[in-house]
Amino acid sequence: MNQTIELIISPDGQSRIETQGFRGEHCRIASRFLEQTLGKTTAEQLKPEFHQGVSDQAHLQEGS
């Protein structure tokens, strides 16, 4: 599957970043540069893909 990052800017200047084709934390890593450039994040909506592909090792590190 292709990985894409889409930046959507509405007429009133609000911006939204949508990622596709990423699993787990990789979407946040890939779009971080845009989030930092745009400034403060006011909301986040995670897609089901965010919760897929998380390895057992990642769960162990979070629980440590």
N, C-alpha and C. Protein backbone atom coordinates (compact mmCIF):
# COMPACT_ATOMS: atom_id res chain seq x y z
N MET A 1 0.84 -1.18 0.00
CA MET A 1 0.00 0.00 0.00
C MET A 1 0.89 1.24 0.00
N ASN A 2 0.49 2.24 -0.75
CA ASN A 2 1.24 3.49 -0.80
C ASN A 2 1.03 4.28 0.49
N GLN A 3 2.08 4.94 0.91
CA GLN A 3 2.01 5.80 2.08
C GLN A 3 1.92 7.25 1.62
N THR A 4 0.91 7.96 2.10
CA THR A 4 0.73 9.35 1.71
C THR A 4 0.45 10.20 2.94
N ILE A 5 0.85 11.47 2.85
CA ILE A 5 0.52 12.47 3.85
C ILE A 5 -0.18 13.59 3.11
N GLU A 6 -1.39 13.91 3.54
CA GLU A 6 -2.18 14.94 2.88
C GLU A 6 -2.37 16.10 3.85
N LEU A 7 -2.06 17.30 3.38
CA LEU A 7 -2.26 18.52 4.15
C LEU A 7 -3.47 19.24 3.57
N ILE A 8 -4.50 19.41 4.37
CA ILE A 8 -5.75 20.04 3.92
C ILE A 8 -5.89 21.37 4.64
N ILE A 9 -6.04 22.44 3.88
CA ILE A 9 -6.22 23.78 4.45
C ILE A 9 -7.57 24.31 4.00
N SER A 10 -8.41 24.63 4.98
CA SER A 10 -9.76 25.13 4.68
C SER A 10 -9.70 26.62 4.36
N PRO A 11 -10.76 27.16 3.77
CA PRO A 11 -10.79 28.59 3.43
C PRO A 11 -10.58 29.52 4.63
N ASP A 12 -10.95 29.05 5.84
CA ASP A 12 -10.77 29.89 7.02
C ASP A 12 -9.37 29.76 7.65
N GLY A 13 -8.49 28.99 7.00
CA GLY A 13 -7.10 28.87 7.46
C GLY A 13 -6.83 27.69 8.37
N GLN A 14 -7.84 26.94 8.74
CA GLN A 14 -7.64 25.75 9.56
C GLN A 14 -6.93 24.68 8.72
N SER A 15 -6.01 23.98 9.34
CA SER A 15 -5.29 22.93 8.61
C SER A 15 -5.52 21.58 9.27
N ARG A 16 -5.41 20.55 8.44
CA ARG A 16 -5.59 19.18 8.91
C ARG A 16 -4.61 18.30 8.16
N ILE A 17 -4.00 17.38 8.87
CA ILE A 17 -3.06 16.43 8.27
C ILE A 17 -3.72 15.05 8.31
N GLU A 18 -3.74 14.38 7.17
CA GLU A 18 -4.26 13.02 7.10
C GLU A 18 -3.18 12.12 6.53
N THR A 19 -2.94 11.01 7.20
CA THR A 19 -1.97 10.03 6.70
C THR A 19 -2.71 8.78 6.26
N GLN A 20 -2.17 8.12 5.26
CA GLN A 20 -2.74 6.87 4.77
C GLN A 20 -1.61 5.89 4.48
N GLY A 21 -1.87 4.62 4.77
CA GLY A 21 -0.91 3.57 4.45
C GLY A 21 0.13 3.33 5.53
N PHE A 22 0.00 3.98 6.66
CA PHE A 22 0.94 3.79 7.77
C PHE A 22 0.28 2.92 8.83
N ARG A 23 1.09 2.20 9.59
CA ARG A 23 0.59 1.40 10.70
C ARG A 23 1.29 1.84 11.97
N GLY A 24 0.56 1.80 13.04
CA GLY A 24 1.13 2.14 14.34
C GLY A 24 1.63 3.58 14.37
N GLU A 25 2.67 3.79 15.12
CA GLU A 25 3.25 5.10 15.38
C GLU A 25 3.91 5.72 14.14
N HIS A 26 4.09 4.95 13.08
CA HIS A 26 4.78 5.45 11.89
C HIS A 26 4.09 6.65 11.26
N CYS A 27 2.77 6.76 11.40
CA CYS A 27 2.07 7.92 10.85
C CYS A 27 2.49 9.20 11.58
N ARG A 28 2.63 9.11 12.89
CA ARG A 28 3.05 10.29 13.66
C ARG A 28 4.49 10.68 13.34
N ILE A 29 5.33 9.69 13.19
CA ILE A 29 6.75 9.96 12.87
C ILE A 29 6.84 10.63 11.51
N ALA A 30 6.10 10.12 10.54
CA ALA A 30 6.17 10.65 9.17
C ALA A 30 5.61 12.06 9.06
N SER A 31 4.60 12.39 9.86
CA SER A 31 3.95 13.70 9.74
C SER A 31 4.43 14.71 10.78
N ARG A 32 5.34 14.31 11.63
CA ARG A 32 5.82 15.18 12.71
C ARG A 32 6.35 16.53 12.20
N PHE A 33 7.09 16.50 11.09
CA PHE A 33 7.66 17.75 10.58
C PHE A 33 6.57 18.75 10.20
N LEU A 34 5.46 18.27 9.67
CA LEU A 34 4.34 19.16 9.33
C LEU A 34 3.66 19.69 10.59
N GLU A 35 3.46 18.83 11.56
CA GLU A 35 2.83 19.24 12.81
C GLU A 35 3.67 20.32 13.50
N GLN A 36 4.98 20.14 13.51
CA GLN A 36 5.86 21.12 14.14
C GLN A 36 5.86 22.44 13.37
N THR A 37 5.80 22.37 12.07
CA THR A 37 5.79 23.57 11.24
C THR A 37 4.49 24.35 11.40
N LEU A 38 3.37 23.64 11.49
CA LEU A 38 2.07 24.29 11.58
C LEU A 38 1.77 24.85 12.96
N GLY A 39 2.41 24.33 13.98
CA GLY A 39 2.20 24.85 15.33
C GLY A 39 1.38 23.92 16.20
N LYS A 40 0.59 24.50 17.07
CA LYS A 40 -0.15 23.78 18.09
C LYS A 40 -1.18 22.81 17.50
N THR A 41 -1.18 21.58 18.03
CA THR A 41 -2.18 20.58 17.66
C THR A 41 -3.39 20.77 18.56
N THR A 42 -4.56 20.91 17.97
CA THR A 42 -5.77 21.12 18.77
C THR A 42 -6.62 19.86 18.90
N ALA A 43 -6.46 18.91 17.98
CA ALA A 43 -7.24 17.68 18.05
C ALA A 43 -6.50 16.59 17.27
N GLU A 44 -6.78 15.36 17.64
CA GLU A 44 -6.19 14.22 16.95
C GLU A 44 -7.23 13.12 16.88
N GLN A 45 -7.40 12.56 15.69
CA GLN A 45 -8.32 11.45 15.50
C GLN A 45 -7.52 10.31 14.90
N LEU A 46 -7.39 9.21 15.64
CA LEU A 46 -6.59 8.08 15.20
C LEU A 46 -7.46 7.10 14.40
N LYS A 47 -6.91 6.63 13.30
CA LYS A 47 -7.59 5.65 12.46
C LYS A 47 -7.31 4.25 13.01
N PRO A 48 -8.10 3.26 12.61
CA PRO A 48 -7.87 1.89 13.09
C PRO A 48 -6.46 1.39 12.77
N GLU A 49 -5.86 1.85 11.68
CA GLU A 49 -4.53 1.42 11.29
C GLU A 49 -3.48 1.77 12.34
N PHE A 50 -3.75 2.82 13.12
CA PHE A 50 -2.81 3.23 14.16
C PHE A 50 -2.63 2.10 15.17
N HIS A 51 -3.69 1.36 15.43
CA HIS A 51 -3.66 0.30 16.43
C HIS A 51 -3.22 -1.04 15.86
N GLN A 52 -2.96 -1.11 14.56
CA GLN A 52 -2.51 -2.34 13.92
C GLN A 52 -1.00 -2.33 13.80
N GLY A 53 -0.42 -3.49 13.80
CA GLY A 53 1.00 -3.61 13.52
C GLY A 53 1.89 -3.20 14.66
N VAL A 54 1.34 -3.02 15.85
CA VAL A 54 2.16 -2.68 17.01
C VAL A 54 2.75 -3.99 17.53
N SER A 55 4.07 -4.04 17.61
CA SER A 55 4.74 -5.28 18.01
C SER A 55 4.62 -5.50 19.51
N ASP A 56 4.83 -6.73 19.92
CA ASP A 56 4.82 -7.07 21.34
C ASP A 56 5.93 -6.32 22.07
N GLN A 57 7.05 -6.09 21.41
CA GLN A 57 8.16 -5.38 22.02
C GLN A 57 7.74 -3.95 22.39
N ALA A 58 6.98 -3.32 21.53
CA ALA A 58 6.51 -1.95 21.82
C ALA A 58 5.60 -1.96 23.06
N HIS A 59 4.76 -2.98 23.19
CA HIS A 59 3.89 -3.07 24.36
C HIS A 59 4.72 -3.25 25.62
N LEU A 60 5.78 -4.05 25.54
CA LEU A 60 6.62 -4.26 26.71
C LEU A 60 7.34 -2.98 27.11
N GLN A 61 7.81 -2.21 26.14
CA GLN A 61 8.50 -0.98 26.44
C GLN A 61 7.56 0.03 27.08
N GLU A 62 6.32 0.09 26.63
CA GLU A 62 5.36 1.02 27.21
C GLU A 62 5.03 0.64 28.63
N GLY A 63 4.99 -0.66 28.92
CA GLY A 63 4.63 -1.13 30.25
C GLY A 63 5.78 -1.08 31.24
N SER A 64 6.98 -0.84 30.77
CA SER A 64 8.16 -0.83 31.65
C SER A 64 8.15 0.34 32.60
